[in-house]
Protein backbone atom coordinates (compact mmCIF):
# COMPACT_ATOMS: atom_id res chain seq x y z
CA ARG A 1 49.14 -85.91 -12.27
CA MET A 2 51.50 -82.99 -11.90
CA SER A 3 54.66 -83.41 -13.92
CA GLU A 4 57.54 -84.51 -11.71
CA ILE A 5 59.96 -82.50 -13.86
CA LEU A 6 58.91 -78.87 -14.31
CA ALA A 7 60.33 -77.07 -17.34
CA LYS A 8 60.22 -73.29 -17.52
CA GLN A 9 61.90 -71.00 -20.02
CA GLU A 10 62.84 -67.44 -19.07
CA GLY A 11 64.40 -65.61 -21.97
CA ARG A 12 67.10 -67.94 -23.27
CA VAL A 13 67.48 -69.89 -20.00
CA LEU A 14 65.61 -73.15 -19.38
CA THR A 15 65.00 -74.25 -15.79
CA LEU A 16 64.38 -77.94 -15.07
CA SER A 17 63.04 -78.51 -11.56
CA PHE A 18 62.63 -81.85 -9.74
CA ASN A 19 59.03 -81.75 -8.54
CA ARG A 20 58.43 -84.57 -6.08
CA PRO A 21 58.99 -82.69 -2.82
CA GLU A 22 56.87 -85.06 -0.72
CA LYS A 23 59.49 -87.77 -1.50
CA MET A 24 62.46 -85.40 -1.12
CA ASN A 25 62.61 -85.40 -4.95
CA ALA A 26 63.78 -89.02 -5.11
CA LEU A 27 64.26 -89.77 -8.80
CA THR A 28 62.19 -92.39 -10.61
CA ARG A 29 62.68 -93.93 -14.04
CA SER A 30 60.04 -91.64 -15.54
CA MET A 31 61.77 -88.56 -14.06
CA TYR A 32 65.07 -89.67 -15.59
CA GLY A 33 63.25 -90.14 -18.89
CA ASP A 34 61.77 -86.63 -18.75
CA LEU A 35 65.14 -85.12 -17.80
CA SER A 36 67.03 -86.75 -20.64
CA LYS A 37 64.37 -85.76 -23.17
CA SER A 38 64.37 -82.16 -21.90
CA LEU A 39 68.18 -81.94 -22.05
CA ASN A 40 68.38 -83.48 -25.51
CA ASP A 41 65.65 -81.14 -26.80
CA ALA A 42 67.40 -78.13 -25.23
CA ALA A 43 70.68 -79.16 -26.88
CA GLY A 44 69.07 -78.77 -30.29
CA ASP A 45 67.02 -75.64 -29.53
CA PHE A 46 68.83 -72.49 -30.65
CA GLY A 47 66.54 -70.41 -28.41
CA ILE A 48 67.98 -72.04 -25.29
CA ARG A 49 71.48 -70.88 -24.35
CA ALA A 50 71.81 -72.35 -20.83
CA VAL A 51 70.00 -74.81 -18.54
CA VAL A 52 69.61 -74.61 -14.76
CA LEU A 53 68.80 -77.72 -12.69
CA THR A 54 66.91 -77.06 -9.48
CA ALA A 55 64.24 -78.58 -7.23
CA GLU A 56 60.94 -77.80 -5.51
CA GLY A 57 60.71 -77.96 -1.72
CA ASP A 58 63.59 -78.06 0.76
CA HIS A 59 65.83 -80.66 -0.88
CA PHE A 60 67.61 -81.06 -4.20
CA THR A 61 67.14 -84.83 -4.38
CA ALA A 62 67.35 -87.87 -2.10
CA GLY A 63 68.90 -89.71 -5.06
CA ASN A 64 67.31 -92.73 -6.66
CA ASP A 65 63.90 -93.84 -5.48
CA ILE A 66 64.93 -97.12 -3.83
CA MET A 67 61.55 -98.84 -4.31
CA ASP A 68 61.42 -97.85 -7.99
CA PHE A 69 65.00 -99.04 -8.29
CA MET A 70 64.32 -102.42 -6.68
CA ASN A 71 61.21 -102.96 -8.80
CA ASN A 72 62.81 -101.82 -12.08
CA PRO A 73 66.57 -102.23 -11.77
CA PRO A 74 68.30 -100.18 -14.51
CA THR A 75 70.53 -102.95 -15.77
CA SER A 76 70.74 -102.17 -19.48
CA ASP A 77 72.53 -99.48 -21.45
CA ASP A 78 69.20 -98.23 -22.81
CA SER A 79 67.59 -97.67 -19.40
CA GLU A 80 66.30 -94.20 -18.51
CA VAL A 81 69.14 -93.73 -16.02
CA ALA A 82 71.76 -94.51 -18.67
CA LYS A 83 70.04 -92.14 -21.10
CA PHE A 84 70.05 -89.34 -18.52
CA LEU A 85 73.74 -89.87 -17.74
CA ALA A 86 74.57 -89.81 -21.46
CA ALA A 87 72.47 -86.66 -21.90
CA ILE A 88 74.24 -84.86 -19.06
CA LEU A 89 77.71 -86.03 -20.20
CA ASN A 90 77.12 -84.87 -23.77
CA PHE A 91 75.07 -81.72 -23.10
CA PRO A 92 76.87 -79.12 -25.26
CA LYS A 93 75.58 -75.95 -23.59
CA PRO A 94 76.23 -74.46 -20.16
CA LEU A 95 74.57 -76.50 -17.41
CA LEU A 96 74.09 -74.91 -14.00
CA ALA A 97 72.57 -76.17 -10.76
CA ALA A 98 71.00 -74.56 -7.71
CA VAL A 99 71.19 -76.91 -4.72
CA LYS A 100 69.54 -76.73 -1.32
CA GLY A 101 69.10 -79.38 1.35
CA ASN A 102 70.10 -82.96 0.62
CA ALA A 103 71.86 -83.91 -2.61
CA VAL A 104 72.28 -87.67 -2.25
CA GLY A 105 73.98 -90.08 -4.66
CA VAL A 106 73.20 -89.00 -8.21
CA GLY A 107 72.15 -85.67 -6.64
CA THR A 108 75.86 -85.07 -6.03
CA THR A 109 77.38 -86.99 -8.97
CA MET A 110 75.33 -85.08 -11.58
CA LEU A 111 76.92 -81.87 -10.27
CA LEU A 112 80.32 -83.11 -11.47
CA HIS A 113 78.96 -82.56 -15.01
CA CYS A 114 77.62 -79.06 -14.35
CA ASP A 115 79.56 -75.95 -15.33
CA VAL A 116 78.48 -73.80 -12.38
CA VAL A 117 76.83 -74.97 -9.13
CA ILE A 118 75.41 -72.61 -6.49
CA ALA A 119 74.52 -74.07 -3.08
CA ALA A 120 72.32 -72.87 -0.24
CA PRO A 121 73.73 -72.89 3.31
CA SER A 122 71.42 -75.90 3.90
CA ALA A 123 73.05 -77.97 1.14
CA ASN A 124 74.30 -81.38 2.23
CA PHE A 125 76.11 -83.64 -0.23
CA SER A 126 76.66 -87.41 -0.02
CA MET A 127 77.43 -90.39 -2.25
CA PRO A 128 76.57 -93.44 -0.11
CA PHE A 129 76.77 -95.98 -2.94
CA ALA A 130 79.06 -98.43 -1.14
CA SER A 131 76.84 -98.20 1.95
CA LEU A 132 74.00 -99.53 -0.25
CA GLY A 133 76.13 -102.33 -1.67
CA LEU A 134 76.62 -100.39 -4.91
CA VAL A 135 79.46 -98.50 -6.63
CA PRO A 136 79.84 -94.83 -7.64
CA GLU A 137 78.17 -93.90 -10.94
CA ALA A 138 77.89 -91.03 -13.45
CA GLY A 139 81.66 -91.03 -13.97
CA SER A 140 82.15 -89.97 -10.35
CA SER A 141 84.79 -92.64 -9.67
CA PHE A 142 86.96 -90.74 -12.18
CA LEU A 143 85.78 -87.14 -11.85
CA PHE A 144 85.57 -86.86 -8.06
CA PRO A 145 89.14 -87.99 -7.19
CA GLN A 146 90.39 -85.79 -10.04
CA LEU A 147 88.63 -82.87 -8.36
CA VAL A 148 89.39 -83.51 -4.68
CA GLY A 149 92.37 -85.88 -4.64
CA TYR A 150 92.46 -89.64 -4.23
CA GLN A 151 92.37 -90.03 -0.46
CA ARG A 152 89.57 -87.59 0.16
CA ALA A 153 87.48 -89.20 -2.59
CA ALA A 154 88.23 -92.68 -1.22
CA ARG A 155 87.20 -91.65 2.29
CA ILE A 156 83.94 -90.04 1.13
CA PHE A 157 83.00 -92.97 -1.14
CA MET A 158 84.00 -95.66 1.36
CA THR A 159 82.39 -94.14 4.47
CA GLY A 160 79.32 -92.64 2.77
CA GLU A 161 79.88 -89.51 4.90
CA SER A 162 78.21 -86.25 3.92
CA PHE A 163 79.76 -82.79 3.52
CA ASP A 164 78.35 -79.27 3.58
CA ALA A 165 78.33 -76.31 1.19
CA ASP A 166 81.56 -74.84 2.56
CA ALA A 167 83.42 -78.13 2.08
CA ALA A 168 81.92 -78.43 -1.43
CA ILE A 169 83.19 -74.94 -2.30
CA GLU A 170 86.64 -75.72 -0.96
CA MET A 171 86.67 -78.94 -3.04
CA GLY A 172 85.67 -77.08 -6.19
CA LEU A 173 82.38 -78.97 -6.56
CA VAL A 174 80.41 -75.77 -5.90
CA ALA A 175 81.18 -72.23 -7.14
CA ALA A 176 79.42 -70.17 -4.46
CA LYS A 177 77.04 -70.23 -1.49
CA ASP A 178 73.87 -68.14 -1.48
CA SER A 179 70.68 -68.20 0.60
CA ASP A 180 68.82 -67.94 -2.74
CA PRO A 181 70.84 -70.32 -4.91
CA LEU A 182 68.34 -70.30 -7.78
CA ALA A 183 68.37 -66.50 -8.15
CA HIS A 184 72.18 -66.56 -8.11
CA ALA A 185 72.36 -69.39 -10.67
CA MET A 186 69.79 -67.65 -12.90
CA LYS A 187 71.82 -64.45 -12.84
CA ILE A 188 74.92 -66.30 -14.03
CA ALA A 189 72.91 -68.28 -16.61
CA GLN A 190 71.38 -65.10 -18.03
CA HIS A 191 74.82 -63.51 -18.21
CA ILE A 192 76.12 -66.58 -20.10
CA ALA A 193 73.03 -66.51 -22.37
CA GLU A 194 74.03 -63.04 -23.59
CA GLN A 195 77.44 -64.25 -24.80
CA PRO A 196 78.05 -65.32 -28.42
CA PRO A 197 76.49 -68.83 -28.35
CA GLN A 198 78.90 -70.72 -30.60
CA ALA A 199 81.87 -69.36 -28.65
CA ILE A 200 80.26 -70.64 -25.43
CA ILE A 201 79.59 -74.10 -26.91
CA ASN A 202 83.17 -74.30 -28.23
CA THR A 203 84.56 -73.14 -24.88
CA LYS A 204 82.66 -75.87 -23.04
CA ALA A 205 83.78 -78.48 -25.59
CA LEU A 206 87.42 -77.44 -25.08
CA LEU A 207 87.08 -77.48 -21.28
CA LYS A 208 85.58 -80.98 -21.39
CA ALA A 209 87.74 -82.40 -24.20
CA LYS A 210 90.50 -83.86 -22.02
CA ASN A 211 88.07 -85.99 -20.01
CA HIS A 212 85.11 -86.64 -22.26
CA ASP A 213 86.06 -90.01 -23.75
CA ALA A 214 87.61 -91.24 -20.51
CA VAL A 215 84.45 -90.36 -18.58
CA ALA A 216 82.26 -92.08 -21.19
CA ALA A 217 84.35 -95.27 -20.87
CA ILE A 218 84.38 -95.13 -17.05
CA MET A 219 80.60 -94.58 -16.98
CA LYS A 220 80.15 -97.74 -19.02
CA ALA A 221 82.34 -99.76 -16.63
CA GLU A 222 80.65 -98.26 -13.55
CA PHE A 223 77.25 -99.04 -15.02
CA GLU A 224 78.10 -102.72 -15.65
CA ILE A 225 79.40 -103.18 -12.08
CA PHE A 226 76.48 -101.16 -10.67
CA ALA A 227 73.98 -103.38 -12.55
CA MET A 228 75.64 -106.55 -11.23
CA ALA A 229 75.78 -105.13 -7.71
CA LEU A 230 72.07 -104.21 -7.84
CA GLN A 231 71.24 -107.89 -8.27
CA SER A 232 73.50 -109.06 -5.44
CA ASP A 233 72.38 -110.32 -2.03
CA GLU A 234 74.73 -107.76 -0.48
CA ALA A 235 72.83 -104.85 -2.06
CA MET A 236 69.45 -106.36 -1.18
CA GLU A 237 70.49 -106.65 2.47
CA ALA A 238 71.86 -103.09 2.47
CA PHE A 239 68.64 -101.79 0.87
CA MET A 240 66.49 -103.61 3.44
CA LYS A 241 68.60 -102.20 6.26
CA PHE A 242 68.29 -98.73 4.74
CA MET A 243 64.50 -99.04 4.35
CA SER A 244 64.03 -100.27 7.94
CA LYS A 245 66.17 -97.40 9.25
CA LYS A 246 63.90 -94.98 7.42
CA GLY A 247 61.02 -96.62 9.26
CA LYS A 248 58.85 -97.02 6.18
């Protein structure tokens, strides 16, 4: 079968692309596994100076594949999801993202760990965890209010409402809007790749230093509550409601 994570190196920039467009790039355990391996390998590869996350088709990602999630709930610290979140938290090199269409759940929360995000006019962000009987993950319960203020974060998390590229730029979640977000992100990544690499790594470490340990601790707490919530009747009912609305 075609790999559901495409890896392509151009010069010193590695592109990782979600490749499951027929399912709106909903992420499965095996995709999380491939992503974390690719990121960890790139961290140790001197030939790679920056990584760009992107997606095939019209959408960034619909978030977690609900069926895969219900069949294999990621309830332990060594699950593929946990490994991916650790990989993205600890990735020492510049991490960019090019986003078009829907970026749901982890599709938005992973962007909080990126250094530069470029969005297409079609980009639509949402974190409907509570709507599914779950809680925010990937450190978003800490990072998002820090970025946008408490009340705005509370409203977005508690209503599950979505927001567009312009709102994301105004919030500081996205750096710029471009009809070709990948080309724009690649241009920035290639520019970064020409800089002295150790200076770039040290700069990122300094930028992240204030939050790193706090985010790691929050992620652990979120993950424990998320795992409990996944096994609750409330989440099951919310999932069923969600699935029936999708008409599958």
